[in-house]
Amino acid sequence: MEQEIRQDIIIGSRRFSNYFWAFVLLLGGLGFLLAGISSYFNKNFLPFSNPSELVFIPQGLVMMFYGTLSLGLSLYISFTIILDIGGGYNEYNKFENLVKIVRKGFPGKNRQVLLTYPLTNIRSIGIKITEGLNPTRSIYLCLKDERKIPLTPVQEPISISDLEEEAADLAKFLDLKLENL
């Protein structure tokens, strides 16, 4: 039974880069906001500088704006981390002849995204590699009606050899051909 079902876990927004940016934006936003508030009240709220000497209009106001914007972005990223947006799994079930793609979304009607495809509708496993300024390396489920469903998460590009090995293992497991897109 175990040899009939394969499940690949997809890491969503709970990755190191999101934790890093949420923390950096939080600290930067607090610093900018406290600098703007310090210039408004002419009292120093930051221990490492003296922003109370800034003129509130325009410098202090702009600092408060950037601080508020940065805190908002930090809260948004933290919210996506807590909800694990994009996380889920790909299940390849030869016993039921189904491929299930499950992902978590934002709260609401479509919080859980479930895509199900019969194995008979799958033509091949495709690999797409683009290099340049924004490189992408992805594995796709190519359907007979010419749709291409991405199976890999949005992430830092993995090595080409690892991508090819993963795609070849999947194609071998599903008894499908492997093609370059």
Protein backbone atom coordinates (compact mmCIF):
# COMPACT_ATOMS: atom_id res chain seq x y z
CA MET A 1 0.00 0.00 0.00
CA GLU A 2 2.83 2.42 0.85
CA GLN A 3 4.36 1.84 -2.58
CA GLU A 4 1.09 2.91 -4.17
CA ILE A 5 0.91 6.36 -2.50
CA ARG A 6 3.52 9.13 -2.57
CA GLN A 7 3.09 12.39 -0.69
CA ASP A 8 5.36 15.43 -1.14
CA ILE A 9 5.12 18.11 1.54
CA ILE A 10 5.15 21.71 0.28
CA ILE A 11 6.51 24.39 2.59
CA GLY A 12 4.40 27.50 2.29
CA SER A 13 5.23 30.85 3.80
CA ARG A 14 6.97 29.31 6.83
CA ARG A 15 10.43 29.67 5.39
CA PHE A 16 13.52 31.36 6.81
CA SER A 17 13.40 34.36 4.46
CA ASN A 18 9.89 35.30 5.61
CA TYR A 19 10.87 35.09 9.29
CA PHE A 20 13.95 37.22 8.52
CA TRP A 21 12.04 39.94 6.65
CA ALA A 22 9.22 40.07 9.19
CA PHE A 23 11.78 40.62 11.97
CA VAL A 24 13.85 43.19 10.03
CA LEU A 25 10.76 45.15 8.97
CA LEU A 26 9.46 45.10 12.55
CA LEU A 27 12.71 46.52 13.95
CA GLY A 28 13.11 49.07 11.15
CA GLY A 29 9.49 50.13 11.38
CA LEU A 30 9.68 50.61 15.13
CA GLY A 31 12.86 52.66 14.70
CA PHE A 32 11.36 54.93 12.06
CA LEU A 33 8.09 55.32 13.95
CA LEU A 34 9.86 56.16 17.21
CA ALA A 35 12.08 58.65 15.36
CA GLY A 36 9.00 60.40 13.95
CA ILE A 37 7.27 60.44 17.33
CA SER A 38 10.46 61.77 18.93
CA SER A 39 10.54 64.66 16.46
CA TYR A 40 6.87 65.46 17.18
CA PHE A 41 7.20 65.52 20.98
CA ASN A 42 10.79 66.89 20.98
CA LYS A 43 11.70 64.07 23.35
CA ASN A 44 14.16 61.28 22.61
CA PHE A 45 12.52 57.82 22.48
CA LEU A 46 15.51 56.10 20.83
CA PRO A 47 18.55 55.20 22.96
CA PHE A 48 21.09 55.16 20.11
CA SER A 49 20.33 58.49 18.36
CA ASN A 50 18.71 61.85 18.95
CA PRO A 51 15.85 62.26 16.45
CA SER A 52 14.15 64.90 18.64
CA GLU A 53 16.24 67.50 16.76
CA LEU A 54 14.47 66.61 13.48
CA VAL A 55 11.87 69.06 12.23
CA PHE A 56 8.50 67.27 12.39
CA ILE A 57 7.29 68.60 9.05
CA PRO A 58 8.49 67.10 6.68
CA GLN A 59 11.20 64.80 8.13
CA GLY A 60 9.37 63.49 11.20
CA LEU A 61 6.14 63.00 9.27
CA VAL A 62 7.92 61.03 6.55
CA MET A 63 9.69 58.93 9.19
CA MET A 64 6.33 58.11 10.80
CA PHE A 65 4.87 57.21 7.39
CA TYR A 66 7.75 54.85 6.57
CA GLY A 67 7.63 53.34 10.06
CA THR A 68 3.89 52.69 9.81
CA LEU A 69 4.29 51.20 6.32
CA SER A 70 7.12 48.94 7.51
CA LEU A 71 5.13 47.77 10.55
CA GLY A 72 2.16 47.02 8.29
CA LEU A 73 4.30 44.91 5.96
CA SER A 74 5.80 43.10 8.95
CA LEU A 75 2.33 42.30 10.29
CA TYR A 76 1.20 41.07 6.86
CA ILE A 77 4.20 38.75 6.51
CA SER A 78 3.70 37.52 10.09
CA PHE A 79 0.03 36.85 9.30
CA THR A 80 0.98 34.76 6.25
CA ILE A 81 3.52 32.85 8.37
CA ILE A 82 0.92 32.10 11.06
CA LEU A 83 -1.63 30.90 8.48
CA ASP A 84 1.06 29.04 6.47
CA ILE A 85 -0.20 30.43 3.17
CA GLY A 86 0.86 28.18 0.27
CA GLY A 87 1.65 25.21 2.49
CA GLY A 88 0.22 21.81 1.74
CA TYR A 89 1.10 18.62 -0.08
CA ASN A 90 0.99 16.80 -3.40
CA GLU A 91 -0.39 13.27 -3.17
CA TYR A 92 0.09 10.77 -5.97
CA ASN A 93 -2.20 7.79 -5.34
CA LYS A 94 -1.88 4.88 -7.78
CA PHE A 95 -4.38 2.86 -5.72
CA GLU A 96 -7.20 5.39 -6.41
CA ASN A 97 -5.66 6.60 -9.73
CA LEU A 98 -5.68 10.21 -8.49
CA VAL A 99 -3.30 13.12 -8.07
CA LYS A 100 -4.32 15.52 -5.30
CA ILE A 101 -2.79 18.96 -4.91
CA VAL A 102 -3.70 20.55 -1.56
CA ARG A 103 -2.71 24.10 -0.53
CA LYS A 104 -3.69 26.54 2.22
CA GLY A 105 -4.93 29.97 1.23
CA PHE A 106 -6.18 33.06 3.00
CA PRO A 107 -9.21 32.76 5.31
CA GLY A 108 -12.54 32.70 3.58
CA LYS A 109 -14.42 30.53 1.16
CA ASN A 110 -11.28 29.15 -0.50
CA ARG A 111 -9.10 28.64 2.59
CA GLN A 112 -8.30 25.08 1.50
CA VAL A 113 -7.50 24.62 -2.19
CA LEU A 114 -7.93 21.04 -3.43
CA LEU A 115 -7.17 20.11 -7.03
CA THR A 116 -7.80 16.50 -8.07
CA TYR A 117 -6.78 14.93 -11.38
CA PRO A 118 -7.23 11.33 -12.53
CA LEU A 119 -3.99 9.66 -13.63
CA THR A 120 -5.59 8.90 -16.99
CA ASN A 121 -5.77 12.65 -17.74
CA ILE A 122 -2.06 13.21 -17.14
CA ARG A 123 0.15 13.26 -20.24
CA SER A 124 3.60 13.76 -18.69
CA ILE A 125 5.78 15.43 -16.08
CA GLY A 126 7.40 18.63 -17.36
CA ILE A 127 10.46 20.56 -16.29
CA LYS A 128 10.83 24.28 -16.96
CA ILE A 129 14.16 26.00 -16.35
CA THR A 130 14.67 29.69 -17.08
CA GLU A 131 17.89 31.50 -16.26
CA GLY A 132 18.58 35.21 -16.04
CA LEU A 133 17.61 37.96 -13.65
CA ASN A 134 14.66 36.03 -12.18
CA PRO A 135 15.52 32.32 -12.61
CA THR A 136 12.81 29.70 -12.18
CA ARG A 137 13.14 25.95 -11.94
CA SER A 138 9.81 24.17 -11.74
CA ILE A 139 8.18 20.78 -12.18
CA TYR A 140 4.78 20.71 -13.88
CA LEU A 141 2.01 18.17 -14.21
CA CYS A 142 1.14 18.26 -17.93
CA LEU A 143 -2.44 17.28 -18.64
CA LYS A 144 -3.85 15.92 -21.89
CA ASP A 145 -5.89 19.11 -22.40
CA GLU A 146 -2.59 21.10 -22.55
CA ARG A 147 -2.84 22.56 -19.02
CA LYS A 148 0.33 22.70 -16.96
CA ILE A 149 -0.12 22.52 -13.18
CA PRO A 150 2.94 23.60 -11.13
CA LEU A 151 3.99 21.08 -8.50
CA THR A 152 6.96 22.88 -6.94
CA PRO A 153 6.54 25.77 -4.50
CA VAL A 154 7.77 29.29 -5.11
CA GLN A 155 11.25 29.29 -3.61
CA GLU A 156 14.89 29.92 -4.19
CA PRO A 157 15.96 27.97 -7.28
CA ILE A 158 17.26 24.50 -6.45
CA SER A 159 20.11 22.95 -8.39
CA ILE A 160 19.28 21.64 -11.83
CA SER A 161 20.49 18.15 -10.97
CA ASP A 162 18.22 17.99 -7.88
CA LEU A 163 15.26 19.24 -9.92
CA GLU A 164 15.87 16.69 -12.67
CA GLU A 165 16.28 13.89 -10.13
CA GLU A 166 13.05 14.82 -8.35
CA ALA A 167 11.14 15.03 -11.65
CA ALA A 168 12.59 11.72 -12.88
CA ASP A 169 11.62 9.99 -9.62
CA LEU A 170 8.07 11.32 -9.92
CA ALA A 171 7.78 10.34 -13.59
CA LYS A 172 9.07 6.86 -12.77
CA PHE A 173 6.63 6.50 -9.87
CA LEU A 174 3.65 7.53 -12.04
CA ASP A 175 4.90 5.65 -15.15
CA LEU A 176 4.87 8.85 -17.22
CA LYS A 177 7.31 10.36 -19.64
CA LEU A 178 9.47 13.37 -18.72
CA GLU A 179 9.56 16.39 -21.02
CA ASN A 180 11.29 19.75 -21.17
CA LEU A 181 8.95 22.77 -21.37
